[in-house]
Amino acid sequence: MSFFFRQAAVPACCACLLAAAEISRGQERETASSPLEPLSCVHAPDGRVTVRGAAMGTVFTVRAYPGHGMDAAETEKACMEALACAVRWEKVMSAMDAESGLARLNAAGNGVSVPVSPELERALLLALDYARLTKGSFDPTLGPCIRLWKKSRRRGALPSSGELECALRASGWEKLRVGKGTAVKTVPGMRVDLGGIGKGFAVDRMAEMLREGGISSFFIDSTSDVLAGAPPPGERGWRLLVDEGNGKNTVLLLSHAAVSTSGNARQMVKIGGTAYSHVLDPRTGLGVTEGRQVSVQAPSAALADALATAGSVMREEDFRFLAAGLPGVSVPAFFRSSSRSAEGTQEQDGAQRPR
């Protein structure tokens, strides 16, 4: 997603640095390392501070107004600490970092009880909760299918029935056991991938850090996942433009809520005459063949993230029924694409147009 807020701003020097994270023996801990400069830091005349930084393969933007008794420098420092939080959680949840706890879990054999840090256990348990909630339409164990599908997309050919059967046997959220500081994969070849919840989960943790630092009015944007705290001073909410499809947009006034968009409507690749999405259907192990874009509003970014992913897979009627039964959850946009492009193969969620 791409979002636009009030543009009046003046550049300000930003000397704060992000602290990198290091992982050791299943326990993630922050440590002083090579500092990372923010991409930008801007102070607006009304006191708002906007800081942007890179993490999790995207750009996080934190907009915040000073809390009670805080000045601009303290607000900037709190925003930088929130960005550092995203960097740390990327280390916790990354399946690509060979030193992460998740990578060690993926490398372990089936049936082996693998020690996991409290942070990783928290993320895994929440992912399994959402898998249970969506009856597997969101599934954090699709790593084998994701690897196979990326390979198929690169070569422009569907996987063989044998390859697909093997990947599906190695997947399935019910086959992952997590609890009491350990995780166990009960089938060979399983790989956990938290990509369907990771950014939303990190955004929630960033919001916790901002609140603990005394900031209540903030807006965090991680491209496809956003979370709003209290409204800006004198406003009823943060203005968010949501694409409804067919050239129509709606403006949400967001306060103490999150929105996530999962989009495959504009990211279809054609194989054998059929257009497939980058979003996988856990039932088939293949890309979804219907172009959709789903935006979900929820009390937390992690829940919105998981539900938006599930909404790209489930029958629309089933998905709307599920969403209607969850407190604080709504579906501001759900549309199908009339044109399925075979050109867009980038692994990212559907973009919203800036307002």
Foldseek 3Di string as FASTA:
>chain_A
DDADADDAWDFDDDDDWAFAWADDQQATDTDHDPTDDWPGWIAGPVQWIWTWHDDPNFIKIKIFHDFVPDHSVLLSVLLRHLVSLRNSLCQAQPCPDCRHQLVVQLPDWAPDWGFHHPSNLVLLVVQLVLCVLLVNLRFQFQVLLLVQQVVCLVVLAHDDPVSQVVSLQLGDRVQWDGDDRTIGRHDGNTHGHCVLQRVLVSQQVSQVSSVVSRTFAMWMDGQFKIAGGAADPPDRATWGWDDQDPPDIDIDRDYLKMKGKAWFQAAWADHPNATFGSQARSVRSTGDRWGKMWMKMANTRSSNSSLNSSCVHDDVVVSQVSQVPDPGMDTPHMDTHPDGDNPHHDPDGDGDDYD
